[in-house]
Amino acid sequence: MGSLIRSSGAGKGSIMEPLLLSTGQAARRLGIGKTKLLSIVRSGRLPCVMLDGRIRVAAEAIEAFTATLPKGYVPGKQVRQ
């Protein structure tokens, strides 16, 4: 089984980041509330996994999701296209 933590650097000053985030952590990373995050998850736009009855979102899934957002996206604001 692989590690659930990844290193974001090499050496002494590297930061360990979890590969799976709670809904609160994922929402903070996206700059949105948990309710909005759950809405995005339910819509299928952001994949998740259930572990011990709790929703977890992969850090890579958040990166992929943000790559699909329109240019000029600001959390909580409508974007005109």
C-alpha atoms as a PDB file:
ATOM      1  CA  MET A   1       0.000   0.000   0.000  1.00  0.00           C
ATOM      2  CA  GLY A   2       1.300   3.467  -0.874  1.00  0.00           C
ATOM      3  CA  SER A   3       1.865   6.320   1.510  1.00  0.00           C
ATOM      4  CA  LEU A   4      -0.961   8.758   2.250  1.00  0.00           C
ATOM      5  CA  ILE A   5       1.567  11.589   2.643  1.00  0.00           C
ATOM      6  CA  ARG A   6       3.810  13.136   0.013  1.00  0.00           C
ATOM      7  CA  SER A   7       6.849  15.311   0.391  1.00  0.00           C
ATOM      8  CA  SER A   8       6.828  18.635  -1.422  1.00  0.00           C
ATOM      9  CA  GLY A   9      10.569  19.047  -1.422  1.00  0.00           C
ATOM     10  CA  ALA A  10      13.820  17.355  -0.691  1.00  0.00           C
ATOM     11  CA  GLY A  11      15.954  17.488   2.374  1.00  0.00           C
ATOM     12  CA  LYS A  12      15.580  18.987   5.795  1.00  0.00           C
ATOM     13  CA  GLY A  13      13.099  21.772   4.900  1.00  0.00           C
ATOM     14  CA  SER A  14      10.654  19.603   2.978  1.00  0.00           C
ATOM     15  CA  ILE A  15       6.959  19.809   3.819  1.00  0.00           C
ATOM     16  CA  MET A  16       4.831  16.699   4.205  1.00  0.00           C
ATOM     17  CA  GLU A  17       1.366  17.056   2.671  1.00  0.00           C
ATOM     18  CA  PRO A  18      -1.480  14.540   3.009  1.00  0.00           C
ATOM     19  CA  LEU A  19      -2.568  12.902  -0.242  1.00  0.00           C
ATOM     20  CA  LEU A  20      -6.164  12.672   0.988  1.00  0.00           C
ATOM     21  CA  LEU A  21      -7.857  15.702   2.505  1.00  0.00           C
ATOM     22  CA  SER A  22     -10.914  16.041   4.717  1.00  0.00           C
ATOM     23  CA  THR A  23     -13.803  18.087   3.354  1.00  0.00           C
ATOM     24  CA  GLY A  24     -12.706  20.998   5.552  1.00  0.00           C
ATOM     25  CA  GLN A  25      -9.120  20.849   4.325  1.00  0.00           C
ATOM     26  CA  ALA A  26     -10.230  20.546   0.693  1.00  0.00           C
ATOM     27  CA  ALA A  27     -12.645  23.466   1.056  1.00  0.00           C
ATOM     28  CA  ARG A  28      -9.944  25.670   2.610  1.00  0.00           C
ATOM     29  CA  ARG A  29      -7.529  24.767  -0.188  1.00  0.00           C
ATOM     30  CA  LEU A  30     -10.134  25.837  -2.760  1.00  0.00           C
ATOM     31  CA  GLY A  31     -11.156  28.941  -0.818  1.00  0.00           C
ATOM     32  CA  ILE A  32     -14.795  27.836  -0.496  1.00  0.00           C
ATOM     33  CA  GLY A  33     -17.068  26.569   2.257  1.00  0.00           C
ATOM     34  CA  LYS A  34     -17.712  22.911   3.051  1.00  0.00           C
ATOM     35  CA  THR A  35     -21.301  23.127   1.785  1.00  0.00           C
ATOM     36  CA  LYS A  36     -20.119  24.351  -1.637  1.00  0.00           C
ATOM     37  CA  LEU A  37     -17.412  21.681  -1.702  1.00  0.00           C
ATOM     38  CA  LEU A  38     -19.977  18.960  -1.000  1.00  0.00           C
ATOM     39  CA  SER A  39     -22.183  20.364  -3.766  1.00  0.00           C
ATOM     40  CA  ILE A  40     -19.273  20.099  -6.216  1.00  0.00           C
ATOM     41  CA  VAL A  41     -18.526  16.540  -5.026  1.00  0.00           C
ATOM     42  CA  ARG A  42     -22.205  15.505  -5.400  1.00  0.00           C
ATOM     43  CA  SER A  43     -22.270  16.949  -8.929  1.00  0.00           C
ATOM     44  CA  GLY A  44     -19.405  14.611  -9.878  1.00  0.00           C
ATOM     45  CA  ARG A  45     -17.050  17.451 -10.806  1.00  0.00           C
ATOM     46  CA  LEU A  46     -14.682  16.606  -7.938  1.00  0.00           C
ATOM     47  CA  PRO A  47     -14.107  12.901  -7.245  1.00  0.00           C
ATOM     48  CA  CYS A  48     -13.880  11.643  -3.685  1.00  0.00           C
ATOM     49  CA  VAL A  49     -13.466   8.428  -1.715  1.00  0.00           C
ATOM     50  CA  MET A  50     -15.167   7.229   1.451  1.00  0.00           C
ATOM     51  CA  LEU A  51     -12.868   6.024   4.237  1.00  0.00           C
ATOM     52  CA  ASP A  52     -14.449   4.834   7.459  1.00  0.00           C
ATOM     53  CA  GLY A  53     -17.662   6.636   6.525  1.00  0.00           C
ATOM     54  CA  ARG A  54     -15.934   9.971   5.889  1.00  0.00           C
ATOM     55  CA  ILE A  55     -15.443  11.763   2.596  1.00  0.00           C
ATOM     56  CA  ARG A  56     -11.847  12.305   1.523  1.00  0.00           C
ATOM     57  CA  VAL A  57     -10.672  14.247  -1.518  1.00  0.00           C
ATOM     58  CA  ALA A  58      -7.350  13.506  -3.185  1.00  0.00           C
ATOM     59  CA  ALA A  59      -4.969  16.464  -3.404  1.00  0.00           C
ATOM     60  CA  GLU A  60      -4.383  15.566  -7.067  1.00  0.00           C
ATOM     61  CA  ALA A  61      -8.147  15.696  -7.718  1.00  0.00           C
ATOM     62  CA  ILE A  62      -8.209  19.263  -6.381  1.00  0.00           C
ATOM     63  CA  GLU A  63      -5.345  20.221  -8.684  1.00  0.00           C
ATOM     64  CA  ALA A  64      -7.146  18.648 -11.664  1.00  0.00           C
ATOM     65  CA  PHE A  65     -10.416  20.373 -10.726  1.00  0.00           C
ATOM     66  CA  THR A  66      -8.805  23.810 -10.478  1.00  0.00           C
ATOM     67  CA  ALA A  67      -7.240  23.308 -13.909  1.00  0.00           C
ATOM     68  CA  THR A  68     -10.787  23.114 -15.338  1.00  0.00           C
ATOM     69  CA  LEU A  69     -11.910  26.424 -13.828  1.00  0.00           C
ATOM     70  CA  PRO A  70     -12.318  29.432 -16.127  1.00  0.00           C
ATOM     71  CA  LYS A  71      -9.509  31.941 -16.381  1.00  0.00           C
ATOM     72  CA  GLY A  72      -9.944  34.683 -13.786  1.00  0.00           C
ATOM     73  CA  TYR A  73     -11.811  32.448 -11.319  1.00  0.00           C
ATOM     74  CA  VAL A  74     -12.258  33.981  -7.864  1.00  0.00           C
ATOM     75  CA  PRO A  75     -13.865  31.782  -5.173  1.00  0.00           C
ATOM     76  CA  GLY A  76     -17.440  32.854  -4.464  1.00  0.00           C
ATOM     77  CA  LYS A  77     -17.760  35.172  -7.461  1.00  0.00           C
ATOM     78  CA  GLN A  78     -19.508  34.556 -10.765  1.00  0.00           C
ATOM     79  CA  VAL A  79     -17.168  34.562 -13.759  1.00  0.00           C
ATOM     80  CA  ARG A  80     -18.347  36.128 -16.987  1.00  0.00           C
ATOM     81  CA  GLN A  81     -17.209  34.225 -20.050  1.00  0.00           C
END
